Amino acid sequence: ALATAALSPQFALAAGGGEKKKGGGATYVQFPMITTTIFASNGRRGILTVELGVDGGKPQVAEAIQKWTPRLRDAYISTISRYAGTLRPGSLPDTDYLASQLQRTTEDTLGQKGTKLLLGTVMLY
């Protein structure tokens, strides 16, 4: 059974022998995880991590997002850090509010509407 698995094309791709498939489609741009500190319920510092991406809807918009990635990432870090500062110790993040703030940040930074911000994982620890 192992010999058969080793010969399959999926196994070769999983082993790093091919191009990695991009998730989300051609107009989707994934951003690296953003991490910021918070006050945890025990009085110590905790960590808030957010994974997100932006769907441009059109290839031209996706190209613009790629070009603006450094500015978008900086704006996302500011928005998430500002939000993290409002969290009370022991409270859970309001992902709907956070998503709306990040959507507004996206539109303000790009100077256009028509993009859709997609939250991945929002985690406190």
Protein backbone atom coordinates (compact mmCIF):
# COMPACT_ATOMS: atom_id res chain seq x y z
CA ALA A 1 0.00 0.00 0.00
CA LEU A 2 2.89 2.36 0.75
CA ALA A 3 4.43 1.77 -2.66
CA THR A 4 1.15 2.69 -4.34
CA ALA A 5 0.84 5.88 -2.27
CA ALA A 6 4.39 6.89 -3.10
CA LEU A 7 3.67 6.65 -6.82
CA SER A 8 0.48 8.72 -6.76
CA PRO A 9 0.65 12.32 -8.06
CA GLN A 10 -1.08 13.66 -4.94
CA PHE A 11 1.66 12.21 -2.76
CA ALA A 12 4.33 13.81 -4.95
CA LEU A 13 2.66 17.23 -4.60
CA ALA A 14 2.24 16.81 -0.85
CA ALA A 15 5.91 15.93 -0.55
CA GLY A 16 6.85 19.28 -2.13
CA GLY A 17 7.38 17.99 -5.63
CA GLY A 18 5.02 20.45 -7.31
CA GLU A 19 3.33 23.81 -7.19
CA LYS A 20 1.32 24.56 -4.07
CA LYS A 21 -2.37 25.12 -4.77
CA LYS A 22 -3.61 28.60 -3.87
CA GLY A 23 -6.77 28.60 -1.77
CA GLY A 24 -9.64 31.02 -2.31
CA GLY A 25 -9.40 31.48 -6.06
CA ALA A 26 -7.56 33.77 -8.43
CA THR A 27 -8.89 37.02 -6.94
CA TYR A 28 -8.22 36.07 -3.30
CA VAL A 29 -5.18 37.46 -1.45
CA GLN A 30 -4.22 35.78 1.85
CA PHE A 31 -2.39 37.84 4.47
CA PRO A 32 0.06 36.45 7.03
CA MET A 33 -1.31 35.99 10.55
CA ILE A 34 -1.44 39.20 12.60
CA THR A 35 -0.61 38.97 16.31
CA THR A 36 -1.03 41.56 19.06
CA THR A 37 -0.98 41.53 22.85
CA ILE A 38 -3.99 41.87 25.16
CA PHE A 39 -4.61 41.75 28.90
CA ALA A 40 -5.66 38.23 29.86
CA SER A 41 -8.21 37.36 32.55
CA ASN A 42 -5.45 36.40 35.01
CA GLY A 43 -3.96 39.91 34.82
CA ARG A 44 -1.07 38.86 32.63
CA ARG A 45 -0.64 39.59 28.97
CA GLY A 46 -2.27 37.37 26.39
CA ILE A 47 -2.19 37.17 22.61
CA LEU A 48 -4.84 37.88 19.98
CA THR A 49 -4.15 36.38 16.56
CA VAL A 50 -6.16 37.07 13.42
CA GLU A 51 -5.94 35.36 10.04
CA LEU A 52 -7.59 37.16 7.14
CA GLY A 53 -7.71 37.55 3.41
CA VAL A 54 -9.30 39.83 0.85
CA ASP A 55 -11.29 38.80 -2.21
CA GLY A 56 -10.98 41.46 -4.89
CA GLY A 57 -13.73 40.03 -7.08
CA LYS A 58 -11.88 41.03 -10.27
CA PRO A 59 -8.33 40.20 -11.37
CA GLN A 60 -7.46 43.93 -11.67
CA VAL A 61 -8.54 44.56 -8.08
CA ALA A 62 -6.60 41.51 -6.88
CA GLU A 63 -3.48 42.92 -8.57
CA ALA A 64 -4.04 46.25 -6.79
CA ILE A 65 -4.40 44.40 -3.48
CA GLN A 66 -1.10 42.60 -4.14
CA LYS A 67 0.62 45.94 -4.77
CA TRP A 68 -0.90 47.51 -1.65
CA THR A 69 -0.19 44.52 0.61
CA PRO A 70 2.40 46.31 2.82
CA ARG A 71 0.08 49.28 3.44
CA LEU A 72 -2.93 47.03 3.98
CA ARG A 73 -1.01 44.87 6.44
CA ASP A 74 0.13 47.96 8.36
CA ALA A 75 -3.46 49.27 8.45
CA TYR A 76 -4.74 45.87 9.62
CA ILE A 77 -2.14 45.74 12.40
CA SER A 78 -3.21 49.21 13.58
CA THR A 79 -6.92 48.32 13.48
CA ILE A 80 -6.44 45.00 15.30
CA SER A 81 -4.12 46.54 17.91
CA ARG A 82 -6.58 49.36 18.55
CA TYR A 83 -9.41 46.84 18.90
CA ALA A 84 -7.33 44.61 21.20
CA GLY A 85 -6.80 47.60 23.49
CA THR A 86 -10.58 47.81 24.04
CA LEU A 87 -10.99 44.18 25.10
CA ARG A 88 -11.63 43.71 28.78
CA PRO A 89 -9.74 40.91 30.54
CA GLY A 90 -11.62 37.65 30.11
CA SER A 91 -13.94 38.91 27.35
CA LEU A 92 -14.26 37.30 23.94
CA PRO A 93 -13.62 39.20 20.72
CA ASP A 94 -16.64 40.41 18.74
CA THR A 95 -15.74 39.00 15.32
CA ASP A 96 -18.62 40.76 13.55
CA TYR A 97 -17.45 44.14 14.80
CA LEU A 98 -13.80 43.31 14.05
CA ALA A 99 -14.70 42.19 10.50
CA SER A 100 -16.65 45.42 9.86
CA GLN A 101 -13.73 47.53 11.10
CA LEU A 102 -11.25 45.59 8.94
CA GLN A 103 -13.59 45.89 5.92
CA ARG A 104 -13.68 49.66 6.42
CA THR A 105 -9.89 49.69 6.76
CA THR A 106 -9.59 47.79 3.48
CA GLU A 107 -11.86 50.19 1.60
CA ASP A 108 -10.20 53.28 3.09
CA THR A 109 -6.69 52.04 2.28
CA LEU A 110 -7.51 50.97 -1.28
CA GLY A 111 -9.73 53.97 -1.90
CA GLN A 112 -12.42 51.82 -3.51
CA LYS A 113 -15.28 49.51 -2.70
CA GLY A 114 -15.91 46.11 -4.21
CA THR A 115 -13.57 44.06 -2.05
CA LYS A 116 -14.68 41.52 0.54
CA LEU A 117 -12.64 40.97 3.68
CA LEU A 118 -12.76 37.39 4.92
CA LEU A 119 -11.78 36.47 8.47
CA GLY A 120 -10.11 33.14 9.04
CA THR A 121 -9.20 32.30 12.60
CA VAL A 122 -9.54 34.74 15.50
CA MET A 123 -7.88 33.27 18.56
CA LEU A 124 -7.14 34.41 22.10
CA TYR A 125 -4.53 32.76 24.29
